[in-house]
Amino acid sequence: MTLPLLRPMLAFPSEPFSSNEHLFEIKWDGYRCLAYLDGGTVLRSRNLIDLTPAFPELGRLNALADSLPVIVDGEIVVTVDGKPSFSVLQRRGRLSDPQRIVRAAEETPALFVAFDILYRKGRPVMEEPVETRREMLRAIFADVSSLVVSDYVIGNGEEFFRACTAAGIEGMVAKKLGSPYLPGKRSPLWRKVRSAKEADLVICGWEEGQRRRKLGALILGAYRDGALVFQGKVGSGFSEKEEDALLEAMAKIAVRDPPLAVPRDRPLRRPHWVRPLLVCTVKFTETTADGYLRHPSYQGLRWDKEPAECGIVALQA
């Protein structure tokens, strides 16, 4: 039986909240993917990229499942000291040499965390309530070394979120009880809440926006040993009014040459450069192994802070 290629359902950002009409679960810090399980196992990213070759230790998830064929939604994670580490996962995901992949699978094995099911016995179950789908997952899987069915609580989401934050977890996801699964759609039925950090960084340039947006993203840097180091980009968090104000301010300090080096693996889209005089505050969840910000959000300018005061953000293990 041929299973359809689908994209995962996505959540809207949210502040922490409590509700007896929602289930709350950990927001796993990994690679989101759908697992297609039948005669074999295929792991596809949210963009339909086949991730299976990069994680051979997950290649037999189908042998753990009942009621085949099934499509399961979940996250590929690698844990370090009991917590998901995106940096370690990212290093694994970049490997291409088969021998190094096999060695990495033995040294830092990945885990598949299942939290939803789309097809069971080859038939769609996406119209079933989310809590019913979760019970289906538990019925067809037994927790083993390479697969876990995600737990959840109902009610006190704020307390659950505080516990996640205290444990160093990325955040939580809230899902409306009784809700269906909407493949490929971002829906308020699912709400994600992230634990965020803050940093003050130097604006070094900007990218042009698309469609109605004039400003696509700010190009950010910070100082290390007197030199600016690329820290990534931020393309969310500013309103249309703030976009206009930022563009006006940057137009006055425009320069031709970039004030910092940008790594080749971080290509920019139509960049414009400025003198590194403006400082802004950015919220983010963590940094990657390369030192770039993950999930950054612009919070505003810091007129009271000198660029030289902005040191690089410490790497997260």
C-alpha atoms as a PDB file:
ATOM      1  CA  MET A   1       0.000   0.000   0.000  1.00  0.00           C
ATOM      2  CA  THR A   2       1.325   3.445  -0.927  1.00  0.00           C
ATOM      3  CA  LEU A   3       1.159   6.059   1.812  1.00  0.00           C
ATOM      4  CA  PRO A   4       0.711   9.719   0.733  1.00  0.00           C
ATOM      5  CA  LEU A   5       3.509  12.262   1.157  1.00  0.00           C
ATOM      6  CA  LEU A   6       2.322  14.778   3.740  1.00  0.00           C
ATOM      7  CA  ARG A   7       3.772  17.747   5.574  1.00  0.00           C
ATOM      8  CA  PRO A   8       3.437  18.044   9.353  1.00  0.00           C
ATOM      9  CA  MET A   9       0.922  20.257  11.109  1.00  0.00           C
ATOM     10  CA  LEU A  10       2.469  23.433  12.582  1.00  0.00           C
ATOM     11  CA  ALA A  11       1.760  25.510  15.680  1.00  0.00           C
ATOM     12  CA  PHE A  12       1.358  29.229  16.351  1.00  0.00           C
ATOM     13  CA  PRO A  13       3.637  30.969  18.895  1.00  0.00           C
ATOM     14  CA  SER A  14       2.066  31.672  22.267  1.00  0.00           C
ATOM     15  CA  GLU A  15       2.731  32.855  25.783  1.00  0.00           C
ATOM     16  CA  PRO A  16       2.427  30.294  28.609  1.00  0.00           C
ATOM     17  CA  PHE A  17      -1.168  29.562  29.648  1.00  0.00           C
ATOM     18  CA  SER A  18      -3.250  27.000  31.537  1.00  0.00           C
ATOM     19  CA  SER A  19      -6.378  25.296  30.233  1.00  0.00           C
ATOM     20  CA  ASN A  20      -8.389  22.173  30.957  1.00  0.00           C
ATOM     21  CA  GLU A  21      -9.223  22.088  27.248  1.00  0.00           C
ATOM     22  CA  HIS A  22      -5.620  21.530  26.153  1.00  0.00           C
ATOM     23  CA  LEU A  23      -2.968  18.883  26.556  1.00  0.00           C
ATOM     24  CA  PHE A  24       0.552  20.145  27.211  1.00  0.00           C
ATOM     25  CA  GLU A  25       3.709  18.327  26.169  1.00  0.00           C
ATOM     26  CA  ILE A  26       7.422  18.987  25.816  1.00  0.00           C
ATOM     27  CA  LYS A  27       8.573  20.881  22.750  1.00  0.00           C
ATOM     28  CA  TRP A  28      11.372  18.590  21.651  1.00  0.00           C
ATOM     29  CA  ASP A  29      14.470  20.300  20.301  1.00  0.00           C
ATOM     30  CA  GLY A  30      15.261  18.223  17.239  1.00  0.00           C
ATOM     31  CA  TYR A  31      14.453  17.534  13.586  1.00  0.00           C
ATOM     32  CA  ARG A  32      10.700  17.446  12.991  1.00  0.00           C
ATOM     33  CA  CYS A  33       9.729  14.643  10.657  1.00  0.00           C
ATOM     34  CA  LEU A  34       7.046  12.192   9.614  1.00  0.00           C
ATOM     35  CA  ALA A  35       7.927   8.505   9.891  1.00  0.00           C
ATOM     36  CA  TYR A  36       6.473   6.296   7.149  1.00  0.00           C
ATOM     37  CA  LEU A  37       6.425   2.753   8.516  1.00  0.00           C
ATOM     38  CA  ASP A  38       5.490  -0.307   6.500  1.00  0.00           C
ATOM     39  CA  GLY A  39       7.878  -2.899   5.046  1.00  0.00           C
ATOM     40  CA  GLY A  40      10.644  -0.446   5.966  1.00  0.00           C
ATOM     41  CA  THR A  41      11.146   2.946   7.578  1.00  0.00           C
ATOM     42  CA  VAL A  42      11.388   6.313   5.830  1.00  0.00           C
ATOM     43  CA  LEU A  43      11.889   9.531   7.798  1.00  0.00           C
ATOM     44  CA  ARG A  44      10.919  12.705   5.931  1.00  0.00           C
ATOM     45  CA  SER A  45      11.508  16.254   7.109  1.00  0.00           C
ATOM     46  CA  ARG A  46       8.861  18.965   7.056  1.00  0.00           C
ATOM     47  CA  ASN A  47      10.201  19.816   3.582  1.00  0.00           C
ATOM     48  CA  LEU A  48       9.931  16.160   2.481  1.00  0.00           C
ATOM     49  CA  ILE A  49      13.702  15.564   2.572  1.00  0.00           C
ATOM     50  CA  ASP A  50      14.628  11.940   3.306  1.00  0.00           C
ATOM     51  CA  LEU A  51      16.511  11.948   6.634  1.00  0.00           C
ATOM     52  CA  THR A  52      16.736   8.159   6.933  1.00  0.00           C
ATOM     53  CA  PRO A  53      20.331   7.749   5.637  1.00  0.00           C
ATOM     54  CA  ALA A  54      21.644  10.177   8.279  1.00  0.00           C
ATOM     55  CA  PHE A  55      20.145   8.152  11.145  1.00  0.00           C
ATOM     56  CA  PRO A  56      20.620   4.449  10.404  1.00  0.00           C
ATOM     57  CA  GLU A  57      19.836   3.488  14.012  1.00  0.00           C
ATOM     58  CA  LEU A  58      16.231   4.565  13.322  1.00  0.00           C
ATOM     59  CA  GLY A  59      15.941   2.518  10.151  1.00  0.00           C
ATOM     60  CA  ARG A  60      13.896  -0.283  11.733  1.00  0.00           C
ATOM     61  CA  LEU A  61      11.209   1.640  13.580  1.00  0.00           C
ATOM     62  CA  ASN A  62       8.675  -0.277  11.516  1.00  0.00           C
ATOM     63  CA  ALA A  63       9.680  -3.454  13.358  1.00  0.00           C
ATOM     64  CA  LEU A  64       8.509  -1.832  16.619  1.00  0.00           C
ATOM     65  CA  ALA A  65       5.054  -0.929  15.340  1.00  0.00           C
ATOM     66  CA  ASP A  66       1.743  -2.718  15.165  1.00  0.00           C
ATOM     67  CA  SER A  67      -1.119  -1.852  12.758  1.00  0.00           C
ATOM     68  CA  LEU A  68       1.106  -1.193   9.736  1.00  0.00           C
ATOM     69  CA  PRO A  69       1.269   0.735   7.500  1.00  0.00           C
ATOM     70  CA  VAL A  70       1.315   3.897   9.614  1.00  0.00           C
ATOM     71  CA  ILE A  71       2.461   7.517   9.367  1.00  0.00           C
ATOM     72  CA  VAL A  72       3.719   8.935  12.650  1.00  0.00           C
ATOM     73  CA  ASP A  73       4.564  12.542  13.467  1.00  0.00           C
ATOM     74  CA  GLY A  74       7.499  13.137  15.751  1.00  0.00           C
ATOM     75  CA  GLU A  75      10.951  14.515  16.348  1.00  0.00           C
ATOM     76  CA  ILE A  76      14.438  13.105  15.908  1.00  0.00           C
ATOM     77  CA  VAL A  77      16.487  14.072  18.959  1.00  0.00           C
ATOM     78  CA  VAL A  78      19.929  13.383  20.375  1.00  0.00           C
ATOM     79  CA  THR A  79      20.256  13.658  24.136  1.00  0.00           C
ATOM     80  CA  VAL A  80      23.288  14.769  26.124  1.00  0.00           C
ATOM     81  CA  ASP A  81      23.155  14.362  29.902  1.00  0.00           C
ATOM     82  CA  GLY A  82      19.479  13.511  29.609  1.00  0.00           C
ATOM     83  CA  LYS A  83      18.483  16.637  27.640  1.00  0.00           C
ATOM     84  CA  PRO A  84      17.993  17.130  23.880  1.00  0.00           C
ATOM     85  CA  SER A  85      21.006  18.812  22.270  1.00  0.00           C
ATOM     86  CA  PHE A  86      20.320  20.451  18.926  1.00  0.00           C
ATOM     87  CA  SER A  87      24.006  21.243  18.459  1.00  0.00           C
ATOM     88  CA  VAL A  88      24.995  17.570  18.617  1.00  0.00           C
ATOM     89  CA  LEU A  89      22.050  16.608  16.411  1.00  0.00           C
ATOM     90  CA  GLN A  90      23.042  19.251  13.875  1.00  0.00           C
ATOM     91  CA  ARG A  91      26.604  17.919  13.711  1.00  0.00           C
ATOM     92  CA  ARG A  92      25.209  14.474  12.997  1.00  0.00           C
ATOM     93  CA  GLY A  93      22.815  15.775  10.366  1.00  0.00           C
ATOM     94  CA  ARG A  94      25.673  17.356   8.425  1.00  0.00           C
ATOM     95  CA  LEU A  95      27.650  14.127   8.060  1.00  0.00           C
ATOM     96  CA  SER A  96      27.823  12.592   4.594  1.00  0.00           C
ATOM     97  CA  ASP A  97      30.534   9.957   4.875  1.00  0.00           C
ATOM     98  CA  PRO A  98      28.853   6.557   5.528  1.00  0.00           C
ATOM     99  CA  GLN A  99      31.553   5.368   7.945  1.00  0.00           C
ATOM    100  CA  ARG A 100      31.363   8.552  10.008  1.00  0.00           C
ATOM    101  CA  ILE A 101      27.557   8.293  10.073  1.00  0.00           C
ATOM    102  CA  VAL A 102      27.719   4.742  11.410  1.00  0.00           C
ATOM    103  CA  ARG A 103      30.294   5.733  14.033  1.00  0.00           C
ATOM    104  CA  ALA A 104      28.204   8.742  15.105  1.00  0.00           C
ATOM    105  CA  ALA A 105      25.101   6.539  15.375  1.00  0.00           C
ATOM    106  CA  GLU A 106      26.992   4.376  17.867  1.00  0.00           C
ATOM    107  CA  GLU A 107      28.528   7.251  19.848  1.00  0.00           C
ATOM    108  CA  THR A 108      25.547   9.627  19.953  1.00  0.00           C
ATOM    109  CA  PRO A 109      22.480   7.570  18.982  1.00  0.00           C
ATOM    110  CA  ALA A 110      19.320   9.392  17.967  1.00  0.00           C
ATOM    111  CA  LEU A 111      15.891   8.827  19.449  1.00  0.00           C
ATOM    112  CA  PHE A 112      12.527   9.181  17.716  1.00  0.00           C
ATOM    113  CA  VAL A 113       9.918  10.855  19.921  1.00  0.00           C
ATOM    114  CA  ALA A 114       6.429  10.129  18.566  1.00  0.00           C
ATOM    115  CA  PHE A 115       3.597  12.523  19.410  1.00  0.00           C
ATOM    116  CA  ASP A 116       0.913  12.006  16.742  1.00  0.00           C
ATOM    117  CA  ILE A 117      -0.349   9.539  14.168  1.00  0.00           C
ATOM    118  CA  LEU A 118      -1.836  10.346  10.757  1.00  0.00           C
ATOM    119  CA  TYR A 119      -2.428   6.885   9.238  1.00  0.00           C
ATOM    120  CA  ARG A 120      -3.090   3.532  10.902  1.00  0.00           C
ATOM    121  CA  LYS A 121      -3.451   0.255   9.003  1.00  0.00           C
ATOM    122  CA  GLY A 122      -3.141   2.336   5.836  1.00  0.00           C
ATOM    123  CA  ARG A 123      -6.171   4.459   6.650  1.00  0.00           C
ATOM    124  CA  PRO A 124      -6.265   8.135   7.698  1.00  0.00           C
ATOM    125  CA  VAL A 125      -7.042   8.829  11.357  1.00  0.00           C
ATOM    126  CA  MET A 126      -6.435  12.580  11.191  1.00  0.00           C
ATOM    127  CA  GLU A 127     -10.092  13.407  11.907  1.00  0.00           C
ATOM    128  CA  GLU A 128      -9.951  11.570  15.233  1.00  0.00           C
ATOM    129  CA  PRO A 129      -9.490  13.775  18.352  1.00  0.00           C
ATOM    130  CA  VAL A 130      -5.884  14.401  19.323  1.00  0.00           C
ATOM    131  CA  GLU A 131      -6.290  12.490  22.607  1.00  0.00           C
ATOM    132  CA  THR A 132      -7.661   9.468  20.716  1.00  0.00           C
ATOM    133  CA  ARG A 133      -4.730   9.577  18.290  1.00  0.00           C
ATOM    134  CA  ARG A 134      -2.347   9.645  21.253  1.00  0.00           C
ATOM    135  CA  GLU A 135      -3.935   6.481  22.654  1.00  0.00           C
ATOM    136  CA  MET A 136      -3.521   4.870  19.230  1.00  0.00           C
ATOM    137  CA  LEU A 137       0.198   5.631  19.422  1.00  0.00           C
ATOM    138  CA  ARG A 138       0.501   3.950  22.789  1.00  0.00           C
ATOM    139  CA  ALA A 139      -1.404   0.940  21.488  1.00  0.00           C
ATOM    140  CA  ILE A 140       0.925   0.316  18.551  1.00  0.00           C
ATOM    141  CA  PHE A 141       4.281   1.176  20.157  1.00  0.00           C
ATOM    142  CA  ALA A 142       6.097   0.008  23.247  1.00  0.00           C
ATOM    143  CA  ASP A 143       8.759   2.372  24.534  1.00  0.00           C
ATOM    144  CA  VAL A 144      12.155   1.011  23.538  1.00  0.00           C
ATOM    145  CA  SER A 145      15.653   2.389  23.221  1.00  0.00           C
ATOM    146  CA  SER A 146      15.069   4.102  19.874  1.00  0.00           C
ATOM    147  CA  LEU A 147      11.435   5.265  20.160  1.00  0.00           C
ATOM    148  CA  VAL A 148       9.401   6.992  22.871  1.00  0.00           C
ATOM    149  CA  VAL A 149       5.779   8.133  22.841  1.00  0.00           C
ATOM    150  CA  SER A 150       5.700  11.660  24.265  1.00  0.00           C
ATOM    151  CA  ASP A 151       3.875  12.139  27.561  1.00  0.00           C
ATOM    152  CA  TYR A 152       1.536  15.044  28.283  1.00  0.00           C
ATOM    153  CA  VAL A 153      -0.452  16.721  31.042  1.00  0.00           C
ATOM    154  CA  ILE A 154      -3.860  18.437  31.008  1.00  0.00           C
ATOM    155  CA  GLY A 155      -4.678  21.614  32.895  1.00  0.00           C
ATOM    156  CA  ASN A 156      -1.817  23.576  34.454  1.00  0.00           C
ATOM    157  CA  GLY A 157       0.237  24.517  31.435  1.00  0.00           C
ATOM    158  CA  GLU A 158       2.000  27.370  33.228  1.00  0.00           C
ATOM    159  CA  GLU A 159       3.368  25.071  35.898  1.00  0.00           C
ATOM    160  CA  PHE A 160       4.367  22.561  33.224  1.00  0.00           C
ATOM    161  CA  PHE A 161       6.160  25.301  31.278  1.00  0.00           C
ATOM    162  CA  ARG A 162       8.063  26.421  34.382  1.00  0.00           C
ATOM    163  CA  ALA A 163       9.162  22.831  34.902  1.00  0.00           C
ATOM    164  CA  CYS A 164      10.341  22.626  31.284  1.00  0.00           C
ATOM    165  CA  THR A 165      12.293  25.859  31.638  1.00  0.00           C
ATOM    166  CA  ALA A 166      13.888  24.757  34.902  1.00  0.00           C
ATOM    167  CA  ALA A 167      14.966  21.508  33.239  1.00  0.00           C
ATOM    168  CA  GLY A 168      16.567  23.366  30.329  1.00  0.00           C
ATOM    169  CA  ILE A 169      13.951  22.121  27.844  1.00  0.00           C
ATOM    170  CA  GLU A 170      13.208  24.275  24.765  1.00  0.00           C
ATOM    171  CA  GLY A 171       9.558  24.798  25.702  1.00  0.00           C
ATOM    172  CA  MET A 172       6.134  23.209  25.437  1.00  0.00           C
ATOM    173  CA  VAL A 173       3.352  22.639  22.905  1.00  0.00           C
ATOM    174  CA  ALA A 174      -0.350  22.984  23.750  1.00  0.00           C
ATOM    175  CA  LYS A 175      -2.913  21.070  21.684  1.00  0.00           C
ATOM    176  CA  LYS A 176      -6.668  21.620  21.864  1.00  0.00           C
ATOM    177  CA  LEU A 177      -8.498  18.530  23.055  1.00  0.00           C
ATOM    178  CA  GLY A 178     -10.816  17.102  20.426  1.00  0.00           C
ATOM    179  CA  SER A 179      -8.891  18.729  17.577  1.00  0.00           C
ATOM    180  CA  PRO A 180      -8.062  17.026  14.252  1.00  0.00           C
ATOM    181  CA  TYR A 181      -4.675  16.809  12.558  1.00  0.00           C
ATOM    182  CA  LEU A 182      -4.319  19.352   9.715  1.00  0.00           C
ATOM    183  CA  PRO A 183      -1.348  18.304   7.560  1.00  0.00           C
ATOM    184  CA  GLY A 184       0.742  21.142   6.165  1.00  0.00           C
ATOM    185  CA  LYS A 185      -1.228  23.839   7.992  1.00  0.00           C
ATOM    186  CA  ARG A 186      -0.255  26.185  10.809  1.00  0.00           C
ATOM    187  CA  SER A 187      -3.226  26.227  13.147  1.00  0.00           C
ATOM    188  CA  PRO A 188      -4.111  27.917  16.466  1.00  0.00           C
ATOM    189  CA  LEU A 189      -5.322  24.489  17.602  1.00  0.00           C
ATOM    190  CA  TRP A 190      -1.628  23.914  18.339  1.00  0.00           C
ATOM    191  CA  ARG A 191       0.335  26.559  20.234  1.00  0.00           C
ATOM    192  CA  LYS A 192       4.070  26.491  20.930  1.00  0.00           C
ATOM    193  CA  VAL A 193       5.699  28.233  23.878  1.00  0.00           C
ATOM    194  CA  ARG A 194       9.478  28.605  23.900  1.00  0.00           C
ATOM    195  CA  SER A 195      11.892  29.256  26.722  1.00  0.00           C
ATOM    196  CA  ALA A 196      13.962  32.164  25.429  1.00  0.00           C
ATOM    197  CA  LYS A 197      17.269  33.842  26.205  1.00  0.00           C
ATOM    198  CA  GLU A 198      18.270  37.430  25.361  1.00  0.00           C
ATOM    199  CA  ALA A 199      21.367  39.049  23.882  1.00  0.00           C
ATOM    200  CA  ASP A 200      22.406  42.540  22.820  1.00  0.00           C
ATOM    201  CA  LEU A 201      23.955  42.407  19.340  1.00  0.00           C
ATOM    202  CA  VAL A 202      25.319  44.821  16.756  1.00  0.00           C
ATOM    203  CA  ILE A 203      23.365  45.531  13.568  1.00  0.00           C
ATOM    204  CA  CYS A 204      25.820  45.127  10.698  1.00  0.00           C
ATOM    205  CA  GLY A 205      23.429  45.205   7.761  1.00  0.00           C
ATOM    206  CA  TRP A 206      20.077  44.044   6.487  1.00  0.00           C
ATOM    207  CA  GLU A 207      18.418  41.910   3.837  1.00  0.00           C
ATOM    208  CA  GLU A 208      15.611  43.090   1.596  1.00  0.00           C
ATOM    209  CA  GLY A 209      12.163  41.730   2.299  1.00  0.00           C
ATOM    210  CA  GLN A 210       9.753  39.894   0.036  1.00  0.00           C
ATOM    211  CA  ARG A 211       6.258  40.789  -1.073  1.00  0.00           C
ATOM    212  CA  ARG A 212       4.959  43.590   1.160  1.00  0.00           C
ATOM    213  CA  ARG A 213       7.874  43.558   3.576  1.00  0.00           C
ATOM    214  CA  LYS A 214      10.670  46.078   2.962  1.00  0.00           C
ATOM    215  CA  LEU A 215      12.971  44.660   5.630  1.00  0.00           C
ATOM    216  CA  GLY A 216      13.581  40.941   5.484  1.00  0.00           C
ATOM    217  CA  ALA A 217      16.118  40.501   8.284  1.00  0.00           C
ATOM    218  CA  LEU A 218      18.778  42.308  10.254  1.00  0.00           C
ATOM    219  CA  ILE A 219      22.329  40.937   9.941  1.00  0.00           C
ATOM    220  CA  LEU A 220      23.832  40.639  13.420  1.00  0.00           C
ATOM    221  CA  GLY A 221      27.309  40.507  14.884  1.00  0.00           C
ATOM    222  CA  ALA A 222      29.155  40.698  18.190  1.00  0.00           C
ATOM    223  CA  TYR A 223      32.714  41.389  19.243  1.00  0.00           C
ATOM    224  CA  ARG A 224      35.391  38.828  20.005  1.00  0.00           C
ATOM    225  CA  ASP A 225      38.968  40.020  20.561  1.00  0.00           C
ATOM    226  CA  GLY A 226      38.123  43.365  19.014  1.00  0.00           C
ATOM    227  CA  ALA A 227      36.668  41.950  15.784  1.00  0.00           C
ATOM    228  CA  LEU A 228      33.042  41.548  14.748  1.00  0.00           C
ATOM    229  CA  VAL A 229      31.839  37.951  14.462  1.00  0.00           C
ATOM    230  CA  PHE A 230      28.717  36.923  12.559  1.00  0.00           C
ATOM    231  CA  GLN A 231      25.946  35.762  14.921  1.00  0.00           C
ATOM    232  CA  GLY A 232      23.121  35.213  12.461  1.00  0.00           C
ATOM    233  CA  LYS A 233      20.024  37.123  11.374  1.00  0.00           C
ATOM    234  CA  VAL A 234      16.726  38.155  12.879  1.00  0.00           C
ATOM    235  CA  GLY A 235      13.673  38.534  10.662  1.00  0.00           C
ATOM    236  CA  SER A 236      10.798  38.579  13.119  1.00  0.00           C
ATOM    237  CA  GLY A 237       9.587  40.637  16.031  1.00  0.00           C
ATOM    238  CA  PHE A 238       9.427  44.082  14.417  1.00  0.00           C
ATOM    239  CA  SER A 239       6.242  45.822  13.307  1.00  0.00           C
ATOM    240  CA  GLU A 240       5.778  47.712  10.053  1.00  0.00           C
ATOM    241  CA  LYS A 241       6.373  50.959  11.930  1.00  0.00           C
ATOM    242  CA  GLU A 242       9.606  49.579  13.415  1.00  0.00           C
ATOM    243  CA  GLU A 243      10.709  48.384   9.961  1.00  0.00           C
ATOM    244  CA  ASP A 244      10.383  51.929   8.622  1.00  0.00           C
ATOM    245  CA  ALA A 245      12.247  53.395  11.602  1.00  0.00           C
ATOM    246  CA  LEU A 246      15.067  50.859  11.270  1.00  0.00           C
ATOM    247  CA  LEU A 247      15.418  51.420   7.524  1.00  0.00           C
ATOM    248  CA  GLU A 248      15.526  55.181   8.054  1.00  0.00           C
ATOM    249  CA  ALA A 249      18.210  54.858  10.730  1.00  0.00           C
ATOM    250  CA  MET A 250      20.298  52.419   8.687  1.00  0.00           C
ATOM    251  CA  ALA A 251      20.109  54.584   5.558  1.00  0.00           C
ATOM    252  CA  LYS A 252      22.111  57.258   7.422  1.00  0.00           C
ATOM    253  CA  ILE A 253      24.988  54.888   8.179  1.00  0.00           C
ATOM    254  CA  ALA A 254      25.064  52.831   4.970  1.00  0.00           C
ATOM    255  CA  VAL A 255      28.441  51.590   3.691  1.00  0.00           C
ATOM    256  CA  ARG A 256      29.509  49.594   0.649  1.00  0.00           C
ATOM    257  CA  ASP A 257      31.699  46.926   2.293  1.00  0.00           C
ATOM    258  CA  PRO A 258      30.560  44.463   4.971  1.00  0.00           C
ATOM    259  CA  PRO A 259      31.898  45.194   8.460  1.00  0.00           C
ATOM    260  CA  LEU A 260      32.264  41.477   9.214  1.00  0.00           C
ATOM    261  CA  ALA A 261      32.910  38.183   7.449  1.00  0.00           C
ATOM    262  CA  VAL A 262      29.875  36.024   6.671  1.00  0.00           C
ATOM    263  CA  PRO A 263      30.458  32.236   6.523  1.00  0.00           C
ATOM    264  CA  ARG A 264      29.914  30.615   3.141  1.00  0.00           C
ATOM    265  CA  ASP A 265      27.314  28.256   4.565  1.00  0.00           C
ATOM    266  CA  ARG A 266      25.163  31.253   5.561  1.00  0.00           C
ATOM    267  CA  PRO A 267      24.361  32.942   2.229  1.00  0.00           C
ATOM    268  CA  LEU A 268      22.569  36.279   2.358  1.00  0.00           C
ATOM    269  CA  ARG A 269      19.813  37.574   0.079  1.00  0.00           C
ATOM    270  CA  ARG A 270      20.553  41.031  -1.404  1.00  0.00           C
ATOM    271  CA  PRO A 271      22.442  42.343   1.666  1.00  0.00           C
ATOM    272  CA  HIS A 272      22.926  46.022   2.464  1.00  0.00           C
ATOM    273  CA  TRP A 273      25.688  46.988   4.878  1.00  0.00           C
ATOM    274  CA  VAL A 274      25.892  49.637   7.591  1.00  0.00           C
ATOM    275  CA  ARG A 275      28.489  50.976   9.978  1.00  0.00           C
ATOM    276  CA  PRO A 276      28.251  48.887  13.171  1.00  0.00           C
ATOM    277  CA  LEU A 277      26.776  51.612  15.368  1.00  0.00           C
ATOM    278  CA  LEU A 278      23.327  50.294  16.315  1.00  0.00           C
ATOM    279  CA  VAL A 279      22.675  47.755  19.047  1.00  0.00           C
ATOM    280  CA  CYS A 280      19.476  45.730  19.362  1.00  0.00           C
ATOM    281  CA  THR A 281      18.143  43.185  21.840  1.00  0.00           C
ATOM    282  CA  VAL A 282      17.233  39.765  20.474  1.00  0.00           C
ATOM    283  CA  LYS A 283      15.460  36.872  22.148  1.00  0.00           C
ATOM    284  CA  PHE A 284      16.501  33.370  21.124  1.00  0.00           C
ATOM    285  CA  THR A 285      16.284  29.785  22.343  1.00  0.00           C
ATOM    286  CA  GLU A 286      19.949  28.755  22.037  1.00  0.00           C
ATOM    287  CA  THR A 287      22.973  28.951  19.767  1.00  0.00           C
ATOM    288  CA  THR A 288      24.059  26.295  17.312  1.00  0.00           C
ATOM    289  CA  ALA A 289      27.457  24.609  17.436  1.00  0.00           C
ATOM    290  CA  ASP A 290      28.634  27.283  14.989  1.00  0.00           C
ATOM    291  CA  GLY A 291      27.531  30.103  17.262  1.00  0.00           C
ATOM    292  CA  TYR A 292      24.424  31.233  15.365  1.00  0.00           C
ATOM    293  CA  LEU A 293      21.188  32.147  17.095  1.00  0.00           C
ATOM    294  CA  ARG A 294      18.221  29.786  16.946  1.00  0.00           C
ATOM    295  CA  HIS A 295      14.655  31.146  16.763  1.00  0.00           C
ATOM    296  CA  PRO A 296      15.684  34.812  17.170  1.00  0.00           C
ATOM    297  CA  SER A 297      13.112  37.566  17.668  1.00  0.00           C
ATOM    298  CA  TYR A 298      13.832  41.306  17.571  1.00  0.00           C
ATOM    299  CA  GLN A 299      12.956  43.128  20.810  1.00  0.00           C
ATOM    300  CA  GLY A 300      14.083  46.711  20.121  1.00  0.00           C
ATOM    301  CA  LEU A 301      17.083  49.039  19.862  1.00  0.00           C
ATOM    302  CA  ARG A 302      19.437  49.674  22.766  1.00  0.00           C
ATOM    303  CA  TRP A 303      20.408  53.318  22.431  1.00  0.00           C
ATOM    304  CA  ASP A 304      22.053  53.139  25.855  1.00  0.00           C
ATOM    305  CA  LYS A 305      24.605  50.493  24.895  1.00  0.00           C
ATOM    306  CA  GLU A 306      27.830  50.821  22.914  1.00  0.00           C
ATOM    307  CA  PRO A 307      28.525  48.236  20.190  1.00  0.00           C
ATOM    308  CA  ALA A 308      31.898  47.391  21.759  1.00  0.00           C
ATOM    309  CA  GLU A 309      30.013  46.142  24.832  1.00  0.00           C
ATOM    310  CA  CYS A 310      28.344  43.387  22.786  1.00  0.00           C
ATOM    311  CA  GLY A 311      30.349  40.188  23.197  1.00  0.00           C
ATOM    312  CA  ILE A 312      29.584  36.970  21.359  1.00  0.00           C
ATOM    313  CA  VAL A 313      26.847  34.756  22.749  1.00  0.00           C
ATOM    314  CA  ALA A 314      28.228  31.732  24.558  1.00  0.00           C
ATOM    315  CA  LEU A 315      27.801  28.457  22.702  1.00  0.00           C
ATOM    316  CA  GLN A 316      25.296  25.997  24.077  1.00  0.00           C
ATOM    317  CA  ALA A 317      26.328  22.397  24.396  1.00  0.00           C
END
